[in-house]
Protein backbone atom coordinates (compact mmCIF):
# COMPACT_ATOMS: atom_id res chain seq x y z
CA MET A 1 63.64 102.59 82.64
CA SER A 2 61.11 101.16 80.19
CA GLU A 3 61.15 97.60 78.96
CA ALA A 4 61.97 98.86 75.45
CA THR A 5 65.34 100.19 76.63
CA TYR A 6 66.22 97.32 78.93
CA ILE A 7 69.55 95.69 78.06
CA PRO A 8 69.94 92.04 79.12
CA LEU A 9 72.98 91.11 81.17
CA SER A 10 74.54 89.15 78.34
CA LEU A 11 74.71 92.31 76.21
CA ARG A 12 75.90 94.72 78.90
CA ARG A 13 79.47 95.91 79.14
CA LYS A 14 81.05 93.99 82.01
CA ILE A 15 83.18 95.93 84.48
CA VAL A 16 85.04 94.19 87.29
CA ILE A 17 86.00 96.26 90.35
CA ALA A 18 88.56 94.52 92.57
CA LEU A 19 88.63 96.00 96.07
CA ASP A 20 91.47 95.76 98.56
CA PRO A 21 90.58 93.11 101.17
CA GLU A 22 92.17 95.03 104.05
CA HIS A 23 90.10 98.13 103.28
CA LEU A 24 86.99 96.06 102.72
CA VAL A 25 87.25 94.25 106.06
CA ALA A 26 87.83 97.52 107.90
CA GLY A 27 84.90 99.05 106.06
CA ALA A 28 82.55 96.25 106.98
CA SER A 29 83.55 96.09 110.63
CA ASP A 30 81.28 97.65 113.19
CA LEU A 31 82.26 101.19 114.13
CA ASN A 32 81.42 101.95 117.75
CA GLU A 33 82.07 104.66 120.27
CA SER A 34 84.11 102.37 122.52
CA MET A 35 86.97 102.35 120.01
CA ALA A 36 89.95 104.56 120.58
CA ASP A 37 89.77 107.73 118.49
CA GLU A 38 92.71 106.73 116.30
CA ALA A 39 91.36 103.22 115.66
CA LEU A 40 87.93 104.60 114.83
CA ALA A 41 89.37 107.21 112.47
CA ALA A 42 91.51 104.58 110.71
CA LYS A 43 88.52 102.31 110.11
CA GLN A 44 86.43 105.22 108.84
CA GLN A 45 89.22 106.27 106.50
CA LYS A 46 89.57 102.78 105.03
CA ARG A 47 85.81 102.47 104.60
CA PHE A 48 85.62 105.81 102.85
CA ALA A 49 88.58 104.94 100.60
CA THR A 50 86.78 101.84 99.35
CA PHE A 51 83.58 103.81 98.83
CA LYS A 52 85.45 106.51 96.89
CA THR A 53 86.98 103.90 94.57
CA VAL A 54 83.52 102.71 93.57
CA ALA A 55 82.19 106.27 93.38
CA TRP A 56 85.07 107.34 91.11
CA THR A 57 84.39 104.40 88.83
CA LYS A 58 80.71 105.33 88.72
CA ALA A 59 81.56 108.94 87.82
CA ASN A 60 84.20 108.23 85.17
CA ILE A 61 83.73 104.74 83.75
CA LEU A 62 80.24 103.35 84.26
CA ARG A 63 77.26 103.83 81.99
CA ALA A 64 74.10 103.54 84.03
CA HIS A 65 71.63 100.98 82.61
CA GLU A 66 74.23 99.80 80.06
CA ASP A 67 76.91 98.18 82.22
CA HIS A 68 77.05 95.39 84.75
CA VAL A 69 79.53 95.64 87.61
CA PHE A 70 81.15 92.68 89.33
CA LEU A 71 82.47 93.67 92.76
CA VAL A 72 85.12 91.21 93.94
CA ALA A 73 87.71 90.62 96.62
CA SER A 74 89.57 87.49 97.59
CA LEU A 75 90.28 86.04 101.01
CA ASP A 76 93.76 84.55 101.21
CA THR A 77 94.85 82.88 104.45
CA THR A 78 98.29 81.88 103.17
CA PRO A 79 100.91 83.82 105.18
CA LYS A 80 102.48 86.62 103.14
CA ALA A 81 104.96 89.23 104.26
CA PHE A 82 103.47 92.74 104.34
CA ASP A 83 99.89 91.40 104.10
CA ALA A 84 98.27 93.02 107.12
CA THR A 85 94.92 91.31 106.66
CA VAL A 86 96.37 87.81 106.60
CA LEU A 87 98.80 88.46 109.45
CA THR A 88 95.97 89.80 111.59
CA ASN A 89 93.91 86.75 110.73
CA ILE A 90 96.75 84.45 111.84
CA TRP A 91 97.26 86.41 115.04
CA ASN A 92 93.57 86.13 115.90
CA SER A 93 93.73 82.38 115.41
CA LEU A 94 96.77 82.08 117.68
CA ALA A 95 95.05 84.26 120.24
CA GLY A 96 92.20 81.80 120.52
CA ASN A 97 89.82 82.92 117.81
CA PRO A 98 89.52 79.99 115.36
CA ASP A 99 86.57 81.64 113.65
CA SER A 100 88.57 84.67 112.45
CA HIS A 101 88.73 83.29 108.89
CA ARG A 102 84.96 82.99 108.86
CA ASP A 103 84.59 86.46 110.36
CA TYR A 104 86.75 88.01 107.64
CA ARG A 105 84.67 86.31 104.96
CA ARG A 106 81.45 87.54 106.53
CA GLN A 107 82.78 91.10 106.80
CA MET A 108 83.96 91.07 103.20
CA GLN A 109 80.58 89.77 102.04
CA GLU A 110 78.80 92.50 103.97
CA GLY A 111 81.05 95.21 102.53
CA LEU A 112 80.56 94.05 98.94
CA ARG A 113 76.82 93.62 99.43
CA ARG A 114 76.47 97.17 100.74
CA LEU A 115 78.41 98.63 97.82
CA SER A 116 76.37 96.58 95.35
CA GLU A 117 73.16 97.97 96.82
CA GLN A 118 74.49 101.51 96.59
CA LEU A 119 75.31 101.03 92.90
CA SER A 120 71.83 99.67 92.28
CA GLN A 121 70.36 102.81 93.82
CA VAL A 122 72.08 104.93 91.17
CA GLY A 123 70.92 102.75 88.28
CA VAL A 124 73.94 100.46 87.89
CA SER A 125 73.40 96.71 87.71
CA ALA A 126 75.82 95.02 90.11
CA SER A 127 76.70 91.71 91.71
CA TRP A 128 79.41 90.66 94.12
CA GLU A 129 81.52 87.67 95.13
CA VAL A 130 84.20 86.83 97.67
CA LEU A 131 86.86 84.66 96.07
CA GLU A 132 89.28 82.27 97.76
CA GLY A 133 93.02 82.63 97.24
CA GLU A 134 95.55 85.26 96.21
CA MET A 135 94.08 88.43 94.72
CA GLY A 136 96.76 88.61 92.02
CA GLU A 137 95.84 85.13 90.83
CA LYS A 138 92.10 84.90 91.45
CA VAL A 139 91.01 88.31 90.15
CA PRO A 140 92.44 87.89 86.61
CA GLU A 141 90.92 84.40 86.48
CA TYR A 142 87.57 85.84 87.53
CA VAL A 143 87.77 88.58 84.89
CA GLU A 144 88.47 86.05 82.16
CA ARG A 145 85.75 83.67 83.36
CA HIS A 146 83.12 86.43 83.33
CA ARG A 147 84.42 88.03 80.13
CA GLY A 148 85.21 91.30 81.84
CA GLU A 149 85.99 94.16 79.48
CA ILE A 150 87.57 96.52 82.01
CA LEU A 151 89.21 95.77 85.36
CA VAL A 152 89.28 98.57 87.94
CA VAL A 153 91.63 97.92 90.85
CA GLN A 154 91.73 99.70 94.18
CA ALA A 155 95.40 100.27 94.90
CA PRO A 156 96.34 98.68 98.24
CA ASP A 157 98.05 100.69 100.96
CA ARG A 158 101.65 99.50 101.16
CA GLY A 159 104.72 101.05 102.65
CA ALA A 160 107.67 102.15 100.54
CA TRP A 161 109.71 99.17 101.76
CA ALA A 162 107.05 96.66 100.68
CA ASP A 163 106.87 98.27 97.24
CA MET A 164 110.64 97.97 96.89
CA VAL A 165 110.86 94.25 97.64
CA SER A 166 107.68 92.80 96.16
CA PHE A 167 104.84 93.37 93.74
CA SER A 168 101.42 94.15 95.15
CA TRP A 169 98.39 92.12 94.11
CA ALA A 170 97.34 95.14 92.01
CA ASP A 171 100.66 95.05 90.12
CA ILE A 172 100.16 91.36 89.42
CA CYS A 173 96.63 91.98 88.15
CA VAL A 174 97.96 94.56 85.70
CA ARG A 175 100.37 91.99 84.29
CA ARG A 176 98.01 89.02 84.19
CA ALA A 177 94.61 90.43 83.24
CA LYS A 178 93.64 90.00 79.60
CA CYS A 179 91.74 93.29 79.42
CA PRO A 180 92.46 96.97 80.09
CA VAL A 181 93.27 97.56 83.78
CA LEU A 182 92.86 100.83 85.64
CA VAL A 183 94.52 101.15 89.06
CA VAL A 184 92.83 103.78 91.23
CA GLN A 185 95.31 105.43 93.58
CA GLN A 186 93.63 106.56 96.76
CA ALA A 187 95.73 109.71 97.11
CA ASP A 188 94.39 110.95 93.78
CA LEU A 189 90.74 110.86 94.81
CA SER A 190 88.92 113.94 96.02
CA ASP A 191 86.28 113.46 98.70
CA ASN A 192 83.88 115.24 96.36
CA VAL A 193 83.80 112.20 94.07
CA ALA A 194 81.37 110.62 96.55
CA ILE A 195 78.54 112.70 95.09
CA ALA A 196 78.50 110.32 92.13
CA MET A 197 76.77 107.80 94.39
CA ASP A 198 73.94 110.10 95.44
CA PRO A 199 70.63 108.39 94.57
CA PRO A 200 68.50 110.57 92.25
CA ALA A 201 65.57 110.31 94.66
CA ALA A 202 67.67 111.86 97.39
CA ALA A 203 68.00 115.24 95.67
CA GLY A 204 67.82 117.99 98.25
CA CYS A 205 68.74 115.64 101.09
CA ASP A 206 72.02 115.48 102.95
CA MET A 207 73.52 112.49 101.16
CA THR A 208 77.19 113.27 101.47
CA SER A 209 79.59 110.38 101.50
CA ALA A 210 79.41 109.96 105.25
CA ALA A 211 75.62 110.21 105.32
CA LEU A 212 75.27 107.73 102.49
CA GLU A 213 77.55 105.23 104.17
CA ASP A 214 75.76 105.58 107.50
CA SER A 215 72.36 105.19 105.90
CA HIS A 216 73.25 101.61 105.00
CA GLU A 217 74.73 100.61 108.34
CA GLY A 218 71.31 99.88 109.78
């Protein structure tokens, strides 16, 4: 893009994409052959779900070279019922792994960084940040602080019982955010949406969703 058409960050439309921490941690974790087949498949599925959320936003919301995307997730170590990420974190600490909190932060940072790089490859300006605290509280605050114009939320995976007895962090974001909020349900996304993240320079190459994800693992 020429300098004449360059739009400074201050004038770009600001889109915040809030990603589910549990999916993000699973997506950033190392996938190796020693894992049981079911565990490996579950991690791959969560990683792909996060990727599809960003890809869907790129295909339907983002304007390349005109928008700036803020990728965010928040690490909350306060015990919450039905919060698998936090409960796992606590279990790891009790099992003798005091660095689990730090490991989750590192994995979340790596996941957001990788997605930010993938957006940059398709012409979308992006940055990322791991917040500290409850998603339902910290994400709306972040949106307001950065003057976000649209908030896109990756719907968390919750069982029917959890949905009956409590609001998810995504529900809370819808109520608290002072801008339009779009909740992306994972069940509604076709795998084909991943093509939206194919870099233009990769035309003719095998850059399916799986290939694109793997290309950034190294």
